[in-house]
Amino acid sequence: MVTTASFYRLNYLQQADLIMQHGLFLQTRKEGNFVIDLYELHDLLIEIFYQNETEEPVSVMAYNTAEKLKTLHSGNLQPRLVIRKDSDNLREGNYAA
């Protein structure tokens, strides 16, 4: 079982390994100058903050699931992936999957 205290005792590389091996990606949202990826890790919610323009990681925050869910509201939850409508034209350019 991972607690917020035990998660914060890990260095960033160990935190990343733990999230990648055992975490479940939930969503991405934007707040101000940040893009925030949300993961579930056992009974924790983990937020990874990235600088909006460069997508450089800035901070990692761990929360007890129940306390964090109270602070999230639908007004600031927007997926980064936008599905185009069939009527939308495709633009020329380089696209990576």
PDB file of N, CA and C in Angstrom:
ATOM      1  N   MET A   1       0.846  -1.185   0.000  1.00  0.00           N
ATOM      2  CA  MET A   1       0.000   0.000   0.000  1.00  0.00           C
ATOM      3  C   MET A   1       0.889   1.245   0.000  1.00  0.00           C
ATOM      4  N   VAL A   2       0.593   2.161  -0.884  1.00  0.00           N
ATOM      5  CA  VAL A   2       1.359   3.398  -0.986  1.00  0.00           C
ATOM      6  C   VAL A   2       0.565   4.513  -0.312  1.00  0.00           C
ATOM      7  N   THR A   3       1.228   5.248   0.554  1.00  0.00           N
ATOM      8  CA  THR A   3       0.613   6.412   1.197  1.00  0.00           C
ATOM      9  C   THR A   3       1.252   7.661   0.623  1.00  0.00           C
ATOM     10  N   THR A   4       0.661   8.812   0.896  1.00  0.00           N
ATOM     11  CA  THR A   4       1.275  10.051   0.413  1.00  0.00           C
ATOM     12  C   THR A   4       2.671  10.208   1.007  1.00  0.00           C
ATOM     13  N   ALA A   5       2.834   9.873   2.273  1.00  0.00           N
ATOM     14  CA  ALA A   5       4.146  10.006   2.919  1.00  0.00           C
ATOM     15  C   ALA A   5       5.184   9.101   2.264  1.00  0.00           C
ATOM     16  N   SER A   6       4.819   7.842   2.005  1.00  0.00           N
ATOM     17  CA  SER A   6       5.793   6.928   1.390  1.00  0.00           C
ATOM     18  C   SER A   6       6.076   7.321  -0.058  1.00  0.00           C
ATOM     19  N   PHE A   7       5.080   7.868  -0.754  1.00  0.00           N
ATOM     20  CA  PHE A   7       5.290   8.315  -2.134  1.00  0.00           C
ATOM     21  C   PHE A   7       6.281   9.472  -2.173  1.00  0.00           C
ATOM     22  N   TYR A   8       6.125  10.433  -1.266  1.00  0.00           N
ATOM     23  CA  TYR A   8       7.012  11.602  -1.251  1.00  0.00           C
ATOM     24  C   TYR A   8       8.430  11.261  -0.796  1.00  0.00           C
ATOM     25  N   ARG A   9       8.623  10.142  -0.130  1.00  0.00           N
ATOM     26  CA  ARG A   9       9.978   9.734   0.251  1.00  0.00           C
ATOM     27  C   ARG A   9      10.776   9.232  -0.955  1.00  0.00           C
ATOM     28  N   LEU A  10      10.092   8.900  -2.042  1.00  0.00           N
ATOM     29  CA  LEU A  10      10.772   8.433  -3.256  1.00  0.00           C
ATOM     30  C   LEU A  10      11.317   9.621  -4.041  1.00  0.00           C
ATOM     31  N   ASN A  11      12.418   9.407  -4.770  1.00  0.00           N
ATOM     32  CA  ASN A  11      12.899  10.466  -5.655  1.00  0.00           C
ATOM     33  C   ASN A  11      12.028  10.482  -6.911  1.00  0.00           C
ATOM     34  N   TYR A  12      12.202  11.499  -7.771  1.00  0.00           N
ATOM     35  CA  TYR A  12      11.341  11.644  -8.954  1.00  0.00           C
ATOM     36  C   TYR A  12      11.396  10.433  -9.876  1.00  0.00           C
ATOM     37  N   LEU A  13      12.568   9.862 -10.059  1.00  0.00           N
ATOM     38  CA  LEU A  13      12.697   8.690 -10.929  1.00  0.00           C
ATOM     39  C   LEU A  13      11.924   7.502 -10.354  1.00  0.00           C
ATOM     40  N   GLN A  14      12.029   7.298  -9.041  1.00  0.00           N
ATOM     41  CA  GLN A  14      11.286   6.209  -8.398  1.00  0.00           C
ATOM     42  C   GLN A  14       9.778   6.455  -8.461  1.00  0.00           C
ATOM     43  N   GLN A  15       9.373   7.722  -8.284  1.00  0.00           N
ATOM     44  CA  GLN A  15       7.957   8.058  -8.400  1.00  0.00           C
ATOM     45  C   GLN A  15       7.450   7.752  -9.808  1.00  0.00           C
ATOM     46  N   ALA A  16       8.216   8.159 -10.817  1.00  0.00           N
ATOM     47  CA  ALA A  16       7.824   7.919 -12.211  1.00  0.00           C
ATOM     48  C   ALA A  16       7.721   6.427 -12.500  1.00  0.00           C
ATOM     49  N   ASP A  17       8.699   5.653 -12.033  1.00  0.00           N
ATOM     50  CA  ASP A  17       8.660   4.201 -12.237  1.00  0.00           C
ATOM     51  C   ASP A  17       7.415   3.588 -11.600  1.00  0.00           C
ATOM     52  N   LEU A  18       7.106   4.010 -10.390  1.00  0.00           N
ATOM     53  CA  LEU A  18       5.940   3.482  -9.684  1.00  0.00           C
ATOM     54  C   LEU A  18       4.646   3.826 -10.429  1.00  0.00           C
ATOM     55  N   ILE A  19       4.544   5.064 -10.893  1.00  0.00           N
ATOM     56  CA  ILE A  19       3.349   5.486 -11.631  1.00  0.00           C
ATOM     57  C   ILE A  19       3.225   4.715 -12.941  1.00  0.00           C
ATOM     58  N   MET A  20       4.321   4.564 -13.668  1.00  0.00           N
ATOM     59  CA  MET A  20       4.271   3.868 -14.956  1.00  0.00           C
ATOM     60  C   MET A  20       3.963   2.374 -14.797  1.00  0.00           C
ATOM     61  N   GLN A  21       4.454   1.766 -13.722  1.00  0.00           N
ATOM     62  CA  GLN A  21       4.247   0.332 -13.514  1.00  0.00           C
ATOM     63  C   GLN A  21       2.880   0.012 -12.906  1.00  0.00           C
ATOM     64  N   HIS A  22       2.406   0.860 -11.996  1.00  0.00           N
ATOM     65  CA  HIS A  22       1.208   0.511 -11.234  1.00  0.00           C
ATOM     66  C   HIS A  22       0.091   1.543 -11.314  1.00  0.00           C
ATOM     67  N   GLY A  23       0.363   2.680 -11.924  1.00  0.00           N
ATOM     68  CA  GLY A  23      -0.646   3.731 -11.991  1.00  0.00           C
ATOM     69  C   GLY A  23      -1.594   3.555 -13.163  1.00  0.00           C
ATOM     70  N   LEU A  24      -2.744   4.165 -13.047  1.00  0.00           N
ATOM     71  CA  LEU A  24      -3.745   4.160 -14.103  1.00  0.00           C
ATOM     72  C   LEU A  24      -3.977   5.603 -14.525  1.00  0.00           C
ATOM     73  N   PHE A  25      -3.689   5.918 -15.797  1.00  0.00           N
ATOM     74  CA  PHE A  25      -3.923   7.271 -16.303  1.00  0.00           C
ATOM     75  C   PHE A  25      -5.418   7.530 -16.342  1.00  0.00           C
ATOM     76  N   LEU A  26      -5.834   8.673 -15.804  1.00  0.00           N
ATOM     77  CA  LEU A  26      -7.253   9.012 -15.771  1.00  0.00           C
ATOM     78  C   LEU A  26      -7.621  10.114 -16.749  1.00  0.00           C
ATOM     79  N   GLN A  27      -6.860  11.204 -16.750  1.00  0.00           N
ATOM     80  CA  GLN A  27      -7.218  12.330 -17.610  1.00  0.00           C
ATOM     81  C   GLN A  27      -6.126  13.379 -17.621  1.00  0.00           C
ATOM     82  N   THR A  28      -6.302  14.318 -18.527  1.00  0.00           N
ATOM     83  CA  THR A  28      -5.449  15.498 -18.601  1.00  0.00           C
ATOM     84  C   THR A  28      -6.352  16.722 -18.548  1.00  0.00           C
ATOM     85  N   ARG A  29      -5.905  17.754 -17.848  1.00  0.00           N
ATOM     86  CA  ARG A  29      -6.650  19.009 -17.819  1.00  0.00           C
ATOM     87  C   ARG A  29      -5.659  20.164 -17.874  1.00  0.00           C
ATOM     88  N   LYS A  30      -6.166  21.349 -18.175  1.00  0.00           N
ATOM     89  CA  LYS A  30      -5.340  22.555 -18.202  1.00  0.00           C
ATOM     90  C   LYS A  30      -5.808  23.492 -17.103  1.00  0.00           C
ATOM     91  N   GLU A  31      -4.842  24.073 -16.412  1.00  0.00           N
ATOM     92  CA  GLU A  31      -5.116  25.102 -15.410  1.00  0.00           C
ATOM     93  C   GLU A  31      -4.044  26.159 -15.547  1.00  0.00           C
ATOM     94  N   GLY A  32      -4.436  27.346 -15.957  1.00  0.00           N
ATOM     95  CA  GLY A  32      -3.472  28.429 -16.115  1.00  0.00           C
ATOM     96  C   GLY A  32      -2.380  28.059 -17.091  1.00  0.00           C
ATOM     97  N   ASN A  33      -1.129  28.139 -16.647  1.00  0.00           N
ATOM     98  CA  ASN A  33       0.024  27.827 -17.496  1.00  0.00           C
ATOM     99  C   ASN A  33       0.448  26.371 -17.414  1.00  0.00           C
ATOM    100  N   PHE A  34      -0.403  25.519 -16.859  1.00  0.00           N
ATOM    101  CA  PHE A  34      -0.017  24.128 -16.648  1.00  0.00           C
ATOM    102  C   PHE A  34      -0.948  23.150 -17.355  1.00  0.00           C
ATOM    103  N   VAL A  35      -0.364  22.050 -17.806  1.00  0.00           N
ATOM    104  CA  VAL A  35      -1.098  20.871 -18.248  1.00  0.00           C
ATOM    105  C   VAL A  35      -0.895  19.856 -17.134  1.00  0.00           C
ATOM    106  N   ILE A  36      -1.969  19.250 -16.663  1.00  0.00           N
ATOM    107  CA  ILE A  36      -1.893  18.368 -15.499  1.00  0.00           C
ATOM    108  C   ILE A  36      -2.434  16.995 -15.869  1.00  0.00           C
ATOM    109  N   ASP A  37      -1.580  15.987 -15.741  1.00  0.00           N
ATOM    110  CA  ASP A  37      -1.999  14.607 -15.960  1.00  0.00           C
ATOM    111  C   ASP A  37      -2.367  14.000 -14.613  1.00  0.00           C
ATOM    112  N   LEU A  38      -3.495  13.314 -14.575  1.00  0.00           N
ATOM    113  CA  LEU A  38      -3.997  12.713 -13.344  1.00  0.00           C
ATOM    114  C   LEU A  38      -3.912  11.197 -13.445  1.00  0.00           C
ATOM    115  N   TYR A  39      -3.319  10.582 -12.431  1.00  0.00           N
ATOM    116  CA  TYR A  39      -3.183   9.126 -12.356  1.00  0.00           C
ATOM    117  C   TYR A  39      -3.783   8.631 -11.050  1.00  0.00           C
ATOM    118  N   GLU A  40      -4.280   7.409 -11.085  1.00  0.00           N
ATOM    119  CA  GLU A  40      -4.698   6.730  -9.863  1.00  0.00           C
ATOM    120  C   GLU A  40      -3.632   5.697  -9.535  1.00  0.00           C
ATOM    121  N   LEU A  41      -3.187   5.687  -8.295  1.00  0.00           N
ATOM    122  CA  LEU A  41      -2.174   4.741  -7.834  1.00  0.00           C
ATOM    123  C   LEU A  41      -2.653   4.191  -6.498  1.00  0.00           C
ATOM    124  N   HIS A  42      -3.243   3.005  -6.529  1.00  0.00           N
ATOM    125  CA  HIS A  42      -3.841   2.394  -5.334  1.00  0.00           C
ATOM    126  C   HIS A  42      -4.870   3.357  -4.748  1.00  0.00           C
ATOM    127  N   ASP A  43      -4.676   3.828  -3.532  1.00  0.00           N
ATOM    128  CA  ASP A  43      -5.634   4.750  -2.911  1.00  0.00           C
ATOM    129  C   ASP A  43      -5.224   6.211  -3.057  1.00  0.00           C
ATOM    130  N   LEU A  44      -4.304   6.486  -3.974  1.00  0.00           N
ATOM    131  CA  LEU A  44      -3.835   7.852  -4.190  1.00  0.00           C
ATOM    132  C   LEU A  44      -4.244   8.353  -5.563  1.00  0.00           C
ATOM    133  N   LEU A  45      -4.378   9.664  -5.653  1.00  0.00           N
ATOM    134  CA  LEU A  45      -4.445  10.331  -6.940  1.00  0.00           C
ATOM    135  C   LEU A  45      -3.152  11.113  -7.079  1.00  0.00           C
ATOM    136  N   ILE A  46      -2.502  10.974  -8.214  1.00  0.00           N
ATOM    137  CA  ILE A  46      -1.225  11.631  -8.472  1.00  0.00           C
ATOM    138  C   ILE A  46      -1.421  12.620  -9.606  1.00  0.00           C
ATOM    139  N   GLU A  47      -0.998  13.862  -9.399  1.00  0.00           N
ATOM    140  CA  GLU A  47      -1.031  14.866 -10.455  1.00  0.00           C
ATOM    141  C   GLU A  47       0.396  15.197 -10.855  1.00  0.00           C
ATOM    142  N   ILE A  48       0.641  15.181 -12.151  1.00  0.00           N
ATOM    143  CA  ILE A  48       1.935  15.599 -12.680  1.00  0.00           C
ATOM    144  C   ILE A  48       1.697  16.891 -13.443  1.00  0.00           C
ATOM    145  N   PHE A  49       2.346  17.964 -12.996  1.00  0.00           N
ATOM    146  CA  PHE A  49       2.186  19.283 -13.599  1.00  0.00           C
ATOM    147  C   PHE A  49       3.288  19.502 -14.626  1.00  0.00           C
ATOM    148  N   TYR A  50       2.886  19.930 -15.818  1.00  0.00           N
ATOM    149  CA  TYR A  50       3.822  20.250 -16.893  1.00  0.00           C
ATOM    150  C   TYR A  50       3.639  21.706 -17.280  1.00  0.00           C
ATOM    151  N   GLN A  51       4.745  22.368 -17.648  1.00  0.00           N
ATOM    152  CA  GLN A  51       4.664  23.716 -18.192  1.00  0.00           C
ATOM    153  C   GLN A  51       3.888  23.634 -19.498  1.00  0.00           C
ATOM    154  N   ASN A  52       2.885  24.473 -19.676  1.00  0.00           N
ATOM    155  CA  ASN A  52       1.998  24.396 -20.831  1.00  0.00           C
ATOM    156  C   ASN A  52       2.750  24.498 -22.157  1.00  0.00           C
ATOM    157  N   GLU A  53       3.660  25.444 -22.285  1.00  0.00           N
ATOM    158  CA  GLU A  53       4.330  25.680 -23.571  1.00  0.00           C
ATOM    159  C   GLU A  53       5.383  24.632 -23.892  1.00  0.00           C
ATOM    160  N   THR A  54       6.138  24.192 -22.909  1.00  0.00           N
ATOM    161  CA  THR A  54       7.263  23.277 -23.161  1.00  0.00           C
ATOM    162  C   THR A  54       6.959  21.836 -22.784  1.00  0.00           C
ATOM    163  N   GLU A  55       5.905  21.620 -22.005  1.00  0.00           N
ATOM    164  CA  GLU A  55       5.551  20.312 -21.453  1.00  0.00           C
ATOM    165  C   GLU A  55       6.675  19.716 -20.597  1.00  0.00           C
ATOM    166  N   GLU A  56       7.521  20.582 -20.049  1.00  0.00           N
ATOM    167  CA  GLU A  56       8.533  20.148 -19.087  1.00  0.00           C
ATOM    168  C   GLU A  56       7.844  19.876 -17.754  1.00  0.00           C
ATOM    169  N   PRO A  57       8.153  18.744 -17.104  1.00  0.00           N
ATOM    170  CA  PRO A  57       7.541  18.485 -15.793  1.00  0.00           C
ATOM    171  C   PRO A  57       8.003  19.507 -14.765  1.00  0.00           C
ATOM    172  N   VAL A  58       7.057  19.979 -13.971  1.00  0.00           N
ATOM    173  CA  VAL A  58       7.332  21.014 -12.980  1.00  0.00           C
ATOM    174  C   VAL A  58       7.172  20.480 -11.562  1.00  0.00           C
ATOM    175  N   SER A  59       6.139  19.649 -11.350  1.00  0.00           N
ATOM    176  CA  SER A  59       5.828  19.206  -9.997  1.00  0.00           C
ATOM    177  C   SER A  59       5.022  17.912 -10.038  1.00  0.00           C
ATOM    178  N   VAL A  60       5.127  17.146  -8.965  1.00  0.00           N
ATOM    179  CA  VAL A  60       4.317  15.941  -8.788  1.00  0.00           C
ATOM    180  C   VAL A  60       3.633  16.063  -7.431  1.00  0.00           C
ATOM    181  N   MET A  61       2.313  15.882  -7.423  1.00  0.00           N
ATOM    182  CA  MET A  61       1.543  15.995  -6.191  1.00  0.00           C
ATOM    183  C   MET A  61       0.767  14.702  -5.964  1.00  0.00           C
ATOM    184  N   ALA A  62       0.752  14.231  -4.718  1.00  0.00           N
ATOM    185  CA  ALA A  62       0.016  13.013  -4.360  1.00  0.00           C
ATOM    186  C   ALA A  62      -1.057  13.375  -3.339  1.00  0.00           C
ATOM    187  N   TYR A  63      -2.241  12.796  -3.520  1.00  0.00           N
ATOM    188  CA  TYR A  63      -3.370  13.089  -2.647  1.00  0.00           C
ATOM    189  C   TYR A  63      -4.078  11.798  -2.279  1.00  0.00           C
ATOM    190  N   ASN A  64      -4.676  11.803  -1.105  1.00  0.00           N
ATOM    191  CA  ASN A  64      -5.623  10.755  -0.764  1.00  0.00           C
ATOM    192  C   ASN A  64      -6.787  10.892  -1.736  1.00  0.00           C
ATOM    193  N   THR A  65      -7.273   9.796  -2.278  1.00  0.00           N
ATOM    194  CA  THR A  65      -8.297   9.838  -3.323  1.00  0.00           C
ATOM    195  C   THR A  65      -9.519  10.655  -2.910  1.00  0.00           C
ATOM    196  N   ALA A  66     -10.059  10.411  -1.752  1.00  0.00           N
ATOM    197  CA  ALA A  66     -11.289  11.090  -1.328  1.00  0.00           C
ATOM    198  C   ALA A  66     -11.093  12.595  -1.213  1.00  0.00           C
ATOM    199  N   GLU A  67      -9.975  13.047  -0.643  1.00  0.00           N
ATOM    200  CA  GLU A  67      -9.771  14.489  -0.460  1.00  0.00           C
ATOM    201  C   GLU A  67      -9.590  15.191  -1.797  1.00  0.00           C
ATOM    202  N   LYS A  68      -8.933  14.558  -2.759  1.00  0.00           N
ATOM    203  CA  LYS A  68      -8.697  15.200  -4.047  1.00  0.00           C
ATOM    204  C   LYS A  68      -9.961  15.264  -4.891  1.00  0.00           C
ATOM    205  N   LEU A  69     -10.776  14.247  -4.865  1.00  0.00           N
ATOM    206  CA  LEU A  69     -11.995  14.248  -5.675  1.00  0.00           C
ATOM    207  C   LEU A  69     -12.920  15.403  -5.303  1.00  0.00           C
ATOM    208  N   LYS A  70     -12.868  15.844  -4.066  1.00  0.00           N
ATOM    209  CA  LYS A  70     -13.694  16.972  -3.636  1.00  0.00           C
ATOM    210  C   LYS A  70     -13.265  18.275  -4.308  1.00  0.00           C
ATOM    211  N   THR A  71     -11.989  18.392  -4.700  1.00  0.00           N
ATOM    212  CA  THR A  71     -11.491  19.646  -5.271  1.00  0.00           C
ATOM    213  C   THR A  71     -11.622  19.714  -6.785  1.00  0.00           C
ATOM    214  N   LEU A  72     -11.874  18.597  -7.441  1.00  0.00           N
ATOM    215  CA  LEU A  72     -12.009  18.592  -8.897  1.00  0.00           C
ATOM    216  C   LEU A  72     -13.452  18.910  -9.271  1.00  0.00           C
ATOM    217  N   HIS A  73     -13.601  19.750 -10.261  1.00  0.00           N
ATOM    218  CA  HIS A  73     -14.948  20.052 -10.736  1.00  0.00           C
ATOM    219  C   HIS A  73     -14.933  20.073 -12.254  1.00  0.00           C
ATOM    220  N   SER A  74     -16.083  19.863 -12.851  1.00  0.00           N
ATOM    221  CA  SER A  74     -16.155  19.670 -14.301  1.00  0.00           C
ATOM    222  C   SER A  74     -15.748  20.901 -15.096  1.00  0.00           C
ATOM    223  N   GLY A  75     -15.760  22.074 -14.526  1.00  0.00           N
ATOM    224  CA  GLY A  75     -15.409  23.284 -15.263  1.00  0.00           C
ATOM    225  C   GLY A  75     -13.979  23.324 -15.755  1.00  0.00           C
ATOM    226  N   ASN A  76     -13.053  22.655 -15.061  1.00  0.00           N
ATOM    227  CA  ASN A  76     -11.653  22.706 -15.481  1.00  0.00           C
ATOM    228  C   ASN A  76     -11.148  21.365 -15.994  1.00  0.00           C
ATOM    229  N   LEU A  77     -12.029  20.432 -16.259  1.00  0.00           N
ATOM    230  CA  LEU A  77     -11.625  19.122 -16.748  1.00  0.00           C
ATOM    231  C   LEU A  77     -11.875  19.051 -18.245  1.00  0.00           C
ATOM    232  N   GLN A  78     -10.797  19.093 -19.022  1.00  0.00           N
ATOM    233  CA  GLN A  78     -10.908  19.041 -20.472  1.00  0.00           C
ATOM    234  C   GLN A  78      -9.878  18.073 -21.013  1.00  0.00           C
ATOM    235  N   PRO A  79     -10.297  17.142 -21.866  1.00  0.00           N
ATOM    236  CA  PRO A  79      -9.316  16.215 -22.439  1.00  0.00           C
ATOM    237  C   PRO A  79      -8.397  16.931 -23.416  1.00  0.00           C
ATOM    238  N   ARG A  80      -7.140  16.476 -23.510  1.00  0.00           N
ATOM    239  CA  ARG A  80      -6.226  17.029 -24.505  1.00  0.00           C
ATOM    240  C   ARG A  80      -6.541  16.485 -25.887  1.00  0.00           C
ATOM    241  N   LEU A  81      -7.064  15.274 -25.948  1.00  0.00           N
ATOM    242  CA  LEU A  81      -7.391  14.654 -27.222  1.00  0.00           C
ATOM    243  C   LEU A  81      -8.752  15.157 -27.670  1.00  0.00           C
ATOM    244  N   VAL A  82      -8.794  15.734 -28.851  1.00  0.00           N
ATOM    245  CA  VAL A  82     -10.049  16.222 -29.404  1.00  0.00           C
ATOM    246  C   VAL A  82     -10.350  15.413 -30.652  1.00  0.00           C
ATOM    247  N   ILE A  83     -11.500  14.799 -30.690  1.00  0.00           N
ATOM    248  CA  ILE A  83     -11.905  13.998 -31.834  1.00  0.00           C
ATOM    249  C   ILE A  83     -12.529  14.928 -32.865  1.00  0.00           C
ATOM    250  N   ARG A  84     -12.025  14.843 -34.092  1.00  0.00           N
ATOM    251  CA  ARG A  84     -12.549  15.727 -35.133  1.00  0.00           C
ATOM    252  C   ARG A  84     -13.888  15.203 -35.628  1.00  0.00           C
ATOM    253  N   LYS A  85     -14.709  16.108 -36.095  1.00  0.00           N
ATOM    254  CA  LYS A  85     -15.982  15.734 -36.697  1.00  0.00           C
ATOM    255  C   LYS A  85     -15.721  15.357 -38.145  1.00  0.00           C
ATOM    256  N   ASP A  86     -16.575  14.522 -38.722  1.00  0.00           N
ATOM    257  CA  ASP A  86     -16.404  14.112 -40.111  1.00  0.00           C
ATOM    258  C   ASP A  86     -16.417  15.295 -41.063  1.00  0.00           C
ATOM    259  N   SER A  87     -17.094  16.364 -40.698  1.00  0.00           N
ATOM    260  CA  SER A  87     -17.174  17.528 -41.575  1.00  0.00           C
ATOM    261  C   SER A  87     -15.930  18.407 -41.494  1.00  0.00           C
ATOM    262  N   ASP A  88     -15.052  18.179 -40.510  1.00  0.00           N
ATOM    263  CA  ASP A  88     -13.827  18.970 -40.373  1.00  0.00           C
ATOM    264  C   ASP A  88     -12.826  18.586 -41.443  1.00  0.00           C
ATOM    265  N   ASN A  89     -12.162  19.580 -41.988  1.00  0.00           N
ATOM    266  CA  ASN A  89     -11.109  19.317 -42.965  1.00  0.00           C
ATOM    267  C   ASN A  89      -9.814  18.984 -42.248  1.00  0.00           C
ATOM    268  N   LEU A  90      -9.030  18.096 -42.829  1.00  0.00           N
ATOM    269  CA  LEU A  90      -7.713  17.787 -42.283  1.00  0.00           C
ATOM    270  C   LEU A  90      -6.726  18.822 -42.773  1.00  0.00           C
ATOM    271  N   ARG A  91      -5.815  19.215 -41.931  1.00  0.00           N
ATOM    272  CA  ARG A  91      -4.764  20.148 -42.329  1.00  0.00           C
ATOM    273  C   ARG A  91      -3.539  19.366 -42.740  1.00  0.00           C
ATOM    274  N   GLU A  92      -2.794  19.931 -43.680  1.00  0.00           N
ATOM    275  CA  GLU A  92      -1.546  19.291 -44.072  1.00  0.00           C
ATOM    276  C   GLU A  92      -0.522  19.521 -42.980  1.00  0.00           C
ATOM    277  N   GLY A  93       0.367  18.561 -42.812  1.00  0.00           N
ATOM    278  CA  GLY A  93       1.416  18.707 -41.818  1.00  0.00           C
ATOM    279  C   GLY A  93       1.932  17.358 -41.398  1.00  0.00           C
ATOM    280  N   ASN A  94       2.844  17.376 -40.466  1.00  0.00           N
ATOM    281  CA  ASN A  94       3.406  16.140 -39.931  1.00  0.00           C
ATOM    282  C   ASN A  94       2.635  15.758 -38.683  1.00  0.00           C
ATOM    283  N   TYR A  95       2.153  14.550 -38.662  1.00  0.00           N
ATOM    284  CA  TYR A  95       1.405  14.061 -37.519  1.00  0.00           C
ATOM    285  C   TYR A  95       2.074  12.811 -36.985  1.00  0.00           C
ATOM    286  N   ALA A  96       2.181  12.728 -35.689  1.00  0.00           N
ATOM    287  CA  ALA A  96       2.767  11.537 -35.059  1.00  0.00           C
ATOM    288  C   ALA A  96       1.687  10.857 -34.239  1.00  0.00           C
ATOM    289  N   ALA A  97       1.737   9.553 -34.220  1.00  0.00           N
ATOM    290  CA  ALA A  97       0.750   8.806 -33.432  1.00  0.00           C
ATOM    291  C   ALA A  97       1.331   8.464 -32.092  1.00  0.00           C
TER     292      ALA A  97
END
